[in-house]
Amino acid sequence: MVTLPLATYLYIYFYQNLLVLEGSVFMVEALLLKFLLEIDYKKAILISLTANFTTFMVGIILGYYI
């Protein structure tokens, strides 16, 4: 999504804590989903949480094996 450049920039220049970074991206994406797709907050949060958890776990798994 739009938040990948934001996440990369924040990781390099501000945050080295991955959980804080993922939490920030999760909140921004939930807000974007809510307003762009015109859905309620609950659904936007669920979609954002699912997407971010999935990509986070794929990154952890790939990082372990690569």
PDB file of N, CA and C in Angstrom:
ATOM      1  N   MET A   1       0.828  -1.197   0.000  1.00  0.00           N
ATOM      2  CA  MET A   1       0.000   0.000   0.000  1.00  0.00           C
ATOM      3  C   MET A   1       0.861   1.245   0.000  1.00  0.00           C
ATOM      4  N   VAL A   2       0.234   2.320   0.330  1.00  0.00           N
ATOM      5  CA  VAL A   2       0.891   3.617   0.379  1.00  0.00           C
ATOM      6  C   VAL A   2       1.866   3.689   1.552  1.00  0.00           C
ATOM      7  N   THR A   3       1.689   2.832   2.514  1.00  0.00           N
ATOM      8  CA  THR A   3       2.461   2.954   3.748  1.00  0.00           C
ATOM      9  C   THR A   3       3.841   2.314   3.688  1.00  0.00           C
ATOM     10  N   LEU A   4       4.183   1.578   2.626  1.00  0.00           N
ATOM     11  CA  LEU A   4       5.513   0.976   2.544  1.00  0.00           C
ATOM     12  C   LEU A   4       6.620   2.036   2.538  1.00  0.00           C
ATOM     13  N   PRO A   5       6.527   3.088   1.724  1.00  0.00           N
ATOM     14  CA  PRO A   5       7.561   4.127   1.817  1.00  0.00           C
ATOM     15  C   PRO A   5       7.608   4.787   3.204  1.00  0.00           C
ATOM     16  N   LEU A   6       6.453   4.975   3.811  1.00  0.00           N
ATOM     17  CA  LEU A   6       6.405   5.536   5.159  1.00  0.00           C
ATOM     18  C   LEU A   6       7.100   4.616   6.149  1.00  0.00           C
ATOM     19  N   ALA A   7       6.820   3.333   6.075  1.00  0.00           N
ATOM     20  CA  ALA A   7       7.435   2.365   6.988  1.00  0.00           C
ATOM     21  C   ALA A   7       8.947   2.317   6.792  1.00  0.00           C
ATOM     22  N   THR A   8       9.382   2.316   5.555  1.00  0.00           N
ATOM     23  CA  THR A   8      10.817   2.269   5.271  1.00  0.00           C
ATOM     24  C   THR A   8      11.511   3.520   5.797  1.00  0.00           C
ATOM     25  N   TYR A   9      10.938   4.675   5.545  1.00  0.00           N
ATOM     26  CA  TYR A   9      11.518   5.935   6.012  1.00  0.00           C
ATOM     27  C   TYR A   9      11.585   5.982   7.543  1.00  0.00           C
ATOM     28  N   LEU A  10      10.494   5.614   8.189  1.00  0.00           N
ATOM     29  CA  LEU A  10      10.482   5.632   9.653  1.00  0.00           C
ATOM     30  C   LEU A  10      11.482   4.641  10.240  1.00  0.00           C
ATOM     31  N   TYR A  11      11.610   3.480   9.619  1.00  0.00           N
ATOM     32  CA  TYR A  11      12.548   2.472  10.122  1.00  0.00           C
ATOM     33  C   TYR A  11      13.990   2.966  10.021  1.00  0.00           C
ATOM     34  N   ILE A  12      14.332   3.564   8.886  1.00  0.00           N
ATOM     35  CA  ILE A  12      15.713   4.010   8.665  1.00  0.00           C
ATOM     36  C   ILE A  12      16.069   5.207   9.538  1.00  0.00           C
ATOM     37  N   TYR A  13      15.164   6.174   9.643  1.00  0.00           N
ATOM     38  CA  TYR A  13      15.524   7.433  10.287  1.00  0.00           C
ATOM     39  C   TYR A  13      15.017   7.625  11.714  1.00  0.00           C
ATOM     40  N   PHE A  14      13.985   6.908  12.118  1.00  0.00           N
ATOM     41  CA  PHE A  14      13.422   7.190  13.436  1.00  0.00           C
ATOM     42  C   PHE A  14      13.327   5.978  14.351  1.00  0.00           C
ATOM     43  N   TYR A  15      12.628   4.950  13.922  1.00  0.00           N
ATOM     44  CA  TYR A  15      12.325   3.830  14.803  1.00  0.00           C
ATOM     45  C   TYR A  15      13.142   2.603  14.424  1.00  0.00           C
ATOM     46  N   GLN A  16      13.761   1.988  15.386  1.00  0.00           N
ATOM     47  CA  GLN A  16      14.381   0.700  15.154  1.00  0.00           C
ATOM     48  C   GLN A  16      13.522  -0.404  15.766  1.00  0.00           C
ATOM     49  N   ASN A  17      12.473  -0.013  16.476  1.00  0.00           N
ATOM     50  CA  ASN A  17      11.558  -0.967  17.103  1.00  0.00           C
ATOM     51  C   ASN A  17      10.493  -1.362  16.082  1.00  0.00           C
ATOM     52  N   LEU A  18      10.559  -2.594  15.622  1.00  0.00           N
ATOM     53  CA  LEU A  18       9.669  -3.062  14.556  1.00  0.00           C
ATOM     54  C   LEU A  18       8.211  -3.098  14.985  1.00  0.00           C
ATOM     55  N   LEU A  19       7.945  -3.419  16.243  1.00  0.00           N
ATOM     56  CA  LEU A  19       6.552  -3.481  16.695  1.00  0.00           C
ATOM     57  C   LEU A  19       5.905  -2.092  16.734  1.00  0.00           C
ATOM     58  N   VAL A  20       6.652  -1.083  17.131  1.00  0.00           N
ATOM     59  CA  VAL A  20       6.123   0.288  17.114  1.00  0.00           C
ATOM     60  C   VAL A  20       5.856   0.717  15.680  1.00  0.00           C
ATOM     61  N   LEU A  21       6.770   0.374  14.807  1.00  0.00           N
ATOM     62  CA  LEU A  21       6.620   0.715  13.396  1.00  0.00           C
ATOM     63  C   LEU A  21       5.395   0.036  12.789  1.00  0.00           C
ATOM     64  N   GLU A  22       5.233  -1.264  13.036  1.00  0.00           N
ATOM     65  CA  GLU A  22       4.076  -1.995  12.517  1.00  0.00           C
ATOM     66  C   GLU A  22       2.767  -1.440  13.084  1.00  0.00           C
ATOM     67  N   GLY A  23       2.779  -1.068  14.348  1.00  0.00           N
ATOM     68  CA  GLY A  23       1.590  -0.474  14.954  1.00  0.00           C
ATOM     69  C   GLY A  23       1.216   0.838  14.297  1.00  0.00           C
ATOM     70  N   SER A  24       2.213   1.648  13.993  1.00  0.00           N
ATOM     71  CA  SER A  24       1.960   2.933  13.326  1.00  0.00           C
ATOM     72  C   SER A  24       1.393   2.718  11.928  1.00  0.00           C
ATOM     73  N   VAL A  25       1.989   1.801  11.193  1.00  0.00           N
ATOM     74  CA  VAL A  25       1.519   1.498   9.838  1.00  0.00           C
ATOM     75  C   VAL A  25       0.102   0.936   9.888  1.00  0.00           C
ATOM     76  N   PHE A  26      -0.149   0.072  10.855  1.00  0.00           N
ATOM     77  CA  PHE A  26      -1.479  -0.518  11.022  1.00  0.00           C
ATOM     78  C   PHE A  26      -2.539   0.576  11.215  1.00  0.00           C
ATOM     79  N   MET A  27      -2.261   1.544  12.066  1.00  0.00           N
ATOM     80  CA  MET A  27      -3.241   2.612  12.326  1.00  0.00           C
ATOM     81  C   MET A  27      -3.470   3.476  11.101  1.00  0.00           C
ATOM     82  N   VAL A  28      -2.393   3.837  10.398  1.00  0.00           N
ATOM     83  CA  VAL A  28      -2.531   4.671   9.196  1.00  0.00           C
ATOM     84  C   VAL A  28      -3.317   3.921   8.122  1.00  0.00           C
ATOM     85  N   GLU A  29      -2.997   2.647   7.935  1.00  0.00           N
ATOM     86  CA  GLU A  29      -3.722   1.866   6.926  1.00  0.00           C
ATOM     87  C   GLU A  29      -5.192   1.696   7.281  1.00  0.00           C
ATOM     88  N   ALA A  30      -5.486   1.491   8.543  1.00  0.00           N
ATOM     89  CA  ALA A  30      -6.890   1.349   8.958  1.00  0.00           C
ATOM     90  C   ALA A  30      -7.674   2.622   8.633  1.00  0.00           C
ATOM     91  N   LEU A  31      -7.075   3.774   8.908  1.00  0.00           N
ATOM     92  CA  LEU A  31      -7.747   5.038   8.591  1.00  0.00           C
ATOM     93  C   LEU A  31      -7.926   5.214   7.088  1.00  0.00           C
ATOM     94  N   LEU A  32      -6.881   4.890   6.329  1.00  0.00           N
ATOM     95  CA  LEU A  32      -6.992   5.000   4.870  1.00  0.00           C
ATOM     96  C   LEU A  32      -8.076   4.073   4.328  1.00  0.00           C
ATOM     97  N   LEU A  33      -8.097   2.838   4.807  1.00  0.00           N
ATOM     98  CA  LEU A  33      -9.117   1.891   4.354  1.00  0.00           C
ATOM     99  C   LEU A  33     -10.522   2.375   4.710  1.00  0.00           C
ATOM    100  N   LYS A  34     -10.668   2.911   5.904  1.00  0.00           N
ATOM    101  CA  LYS A  34     -11.981   3.381   6.363  1.00  0.00           C
ATOM    102  C   LYS A  34     -12.527   4.463   5.438  1.00  0.00           C
ATOM    103  N   PHE A  35     -11.676   5.423   5.092  1.00  0.00           N
ATOM    104  CA  PHE A  35     -12.163   6.547   4.303  1.00  0.00           C
ATOM    105  C   PHE A  35     -12.166   6.274   2.793  1.00  0.00           C
ATOM    106  N   LEU A  36     -11.204   5.515   2.303  1.00  0.00           N
ATOM    107  CA  LEU A  36     -11.160   5.248   0.865  1.00  0.00           C
ATOM    108  C   LEU A  36     -12.206   4.232   0.426  1.00  0.00           C
ATOM    109  N   LEU A  37     -12.427   3.226   1.259  1.00  0.00           N
ATOM    110  CA  LEU A  37     -13.416   2.204   0.904  1.00  0.00           C
ATOM    111  C   LEU A  37     -14.798   2.485   1.486  1.00  0.00           C
ATOM    112  N   GLU A  38     -14.875   3.520   2.308  1.00  0.00           N
ATOM    113  CA  GLU A  38     -16.130   3.908   2.955  1.00  0.00           C
ATOM    114  C   GLU A  38     -16.751   2.741   3.718  1.00  0.00           C
ATOM    115  N   ILE A  39     -15.952   2.126   4.565  1.00  0.00           N
ATOM    116  CA  ILE A  39     -16.410   1.026   5.410  1.00  0.00           C
ATOM    117  C   ILE A  39     -16.322   1.462   6.867  1.00  0.00           C
ATOM    118  N   ASP A  40     -16.915   0.698   7.759  1.00  0.00           N
ATOM    119  CA  ASP A  40     -16.869   1.081   9.166  1.00  0.00           C
ATOM    120  C   ASP A  40     -15.488   0.780   9.759  1.00  0.00           C
ATOM    121  N   TYR A  41     -15.237   1.374  10.925  1.00  0.00           N
ATOM    122  CA  TYR A  41     -13.921   1.246  11.562  1.00  0.00           C
ATOM    123  C   TYR A  41     -13.573  -0.204  11.890  1.00  0.00           C
ATOM    124  N   LYS A  42     -14.547  -0.961  12.338  1.00  0.00           N
ATOM    125  CA  LYS A  42     -14.300  -2.348  12.725  1.00  0.00           C
ATOM    126  C   LYS A  42     -13.752  -3.159  11.551  1.00  0.00           C
ATOM    127  N   LYS A  43     -14.380  -3.028  10.404  1.00  0.00           N
ATOM    128  CA  LYS A  43     -13.952  -3.765   9.222  1.00  0.00           C
ATOM    129  C   LYS A  43     -12.588  -3.267   8.733  1.00  0.00           C
ATOM    130  N   ALA A  44     -12.364  -1.969   8.769  1.00  0.00           N
ATOM    131  CA  ALA A  44     -11.078  -1.405   8.347  1.00  0.00           C
ATOM    132  C   ALA A  44      -9.948  -1.892   9.246  1.00  0.00           C
ATOM    133  N   ILE A  45     -10.200  -1.937  10.549  1.00  0.00           N
ATOM    134  CA  ILE A  45      -9.198  -2.418  11.497  1.00  0.00           C
ATOM    135  C   ILE A  45      -8.907  -3.890  11.258  1.00  0.00           C
ATOM    136  N   LEU A  46      -9.937  -4.683  11.032  1.00  0.00           N
ATOM    137  CA  LEU A  46      -9.754  -6.113  10.793  1.00  0.00           C
ATOM    138  C   LEU A  46      -8.948  -6.364   9.513  1.00  0.00           C
ATOM    139  N   ILE A  47      -9.257  -5.658   8.453  1.00  0.00           N
ATOM    140  CA  ILE A  47      -8.525  -5.813   7.196  1.00  0.00           C
ATOM    141  C   ILE A  47      -7.072  -5.395   7.374  1.00  0.00           C
ATOM    142  N   SER A  48      -6.846  -4.255   8.005  1.00  0.00           N
ATOM    143  CA  SER A  48      -5.491  -3.763   8.208  1.00  0.00           C
ATOM    144  C   SER A  48      -4.684  -4.696   9.101  1.00  0.00           C
ATOM    145  N   LEU A  49      -5.291  -5.165  10.171  1.00  0.00           N
ATOM    146  CA  LEU A  49      -4.609  -6.074  11.090  1.00  0.00           C
ATOM    147  C   LEU A  49      -4.245  -7.384  10.392  1.00  0.00           C
ATOM    148  N   THR A  50      -5.170  -7.931   9.631  1.00  0.00           N
ATOM    149  CA  THR A  50      -4.915  -9.173   8.912  1.00  0.00           C
ATOM    150  C   THR A  50      -3.793  -8.999   7.888  1.00  0.00           C
ATOM    151  N   ALA A  51      -3.860  -7.940   7.110  1.00  0.00           N
ATOM    152  CA  ALA A  51      -2.840  -7.700   6.088  1.00  0.00           C
ATOM    153  C   ALA A  51      -1.465  -7.479   6.715  1.00  0.00           C
ATOM    154  N   ASN A  52      -1.399  -6.695   7.763  1.00  0.00           N
ATOM    155  CA  ASN A  52      -0.108  -6.407   8.392  1.00  0.00           C
ATOM    156  C   ASN A  52       0.450  -7.609   9.135  1.00  0.00           C
ATOM    157  N   PHE A  53      -0.391  -8.381   9.776  1.00  0.00           N
ATOM    158  CA  PHE A  53       0.085  -9.584  10.459  1.00  0.00           C
ATOM    159  C   PHE A  53       0.641 -10.582   9.443  1.00  0.00           C
ATOM    160  N   THR A  54      -0.070 -10.736   8.329  1.00  0.00           N
ATOM    161  CA  THR A  54       0.372 -11.670   7.295  1.00  0.00           C
ATOM    162  C   THR A  54       1.725 -11.263   6.725  1.00  0.00           C
ATOM    163  N   THR A  55       1.865 -10.007   6.338  1.00  0.00           N
ATOM    164  CA  THR A  55       3.140  -9.561   5.768  1.00  0.00           C
ATOM    165  C   THR A  55       4.254  -9.577   6.809  1.00  0.00           C
ATOM    166  N   PHE A  56       3.942  -9.278   8.054  1.00  0.00           N
ATOM    167  CA  PHE A  56       4.931  -9.335   9.127  1.00  0.00           C
ATOM    168  C   PHE A  56       5.455 -10.762   9.290  1.00  0.00           C
ATOM    169  N   MET A  57       4.553 -11.737   9.323  1.00  0.00           N
ATOM    170  CA  MET A  57       4.959 -13.128   9.495  1.00  0.00           C
ATOM    171  C   MET A  57       5.727 -13.654   8.277  1.00  0.00           C
ATOM    172  N   VAL A  58       5.321 -13.265   7.078  1.00  0.00           N
ATOM    173  CA  VAL A  58       6.061 -13.660   5.879  1.00  0.00           C
ATOM    174  C   VAL A  58       7.480 -13.089   5.955  1.00  0.00           C
ATOM    175  N   GLY A  59       7.614 -11.854   6.370  1.00  0.00           N
ATOM    176  CA  GLY A  59       8.939 -11.248   6.526  1.00  0.00           C
ATOM    177  C   GLY A  59       9.793 -11.952   7.560  1.00  0.00           C
ATOM    178  N   ILE A  60       9.192 -12.327   8.681  1.00  0.00           N
ATOM    179  CA  ILE A  60       9.926 -13.052   9.725  1.00  0.00           C
ATOM    180  C   ILE A  60      10.384 -14.413   9.202  1.00  0.00           C
ATOM    181  N   ILE A  61       9.499 -15.131   8.531  1.00  0.00           N
ATOM    182  CA  ILE A  61       9.835 -16.449   8.004  1.00  0.00           C
ATOM    183  C   ILE A  61      10.920 -16.356   6.926  1.00  0.00           C
ATOM    184  N   LEU A  62      10.768 -15.420   5.997  1.00  0.00           N
ATOM    185  CA  LEU A  62      11.782 -15.254   4.948  1.00  0.00           C
ATOM    186  C   LEU A  62      13.123 -14.816   5.558  1.00  0.00           C
ATOM    187  N   GLY A  63      13.077 -13.936   6.535  1.00  0.00           N
ATOM    188  CA  GLY A  63      14.291 -13.491   7.190  1.00  0.00           C
ATOM    189  C   GLY A  63      15.015 -14.618   7.907  1.00  0.00           C
ATOM    190  N   TYR A  64      14.275 -15.563   8.402  1.00  0.00           N
ATOM    191  CA  TYR A  64      14.866 -16.701   9.099  1.00  0.00           C
ATOM    192  C   TYR A  64      15.573 -17.641   8.120  1.00  0.00           C
ATOM    193  N   TYR A  65      14.977 -17.846   6.949  1.00  0.00           N
ATOM    194  CA  TYR A  65      15.508 -18.809   5.990  1.00  0.00           C
ATOM    195  C   TYR A  65      16.463 -18.202   4.972  1.00  0.00           C
ATOM    196  N   ILE A  66      16.494 -16.909   4.855  1.00  0.00           N
ATOM    197  CA  ILE A  66      17.379 -16.289   3.856  1.00  0.00           C
ATOM    198  C   ILE A  66      18.627 -15.748   4.513  1.00  0.00           C
TER     199      ILE A  66
END
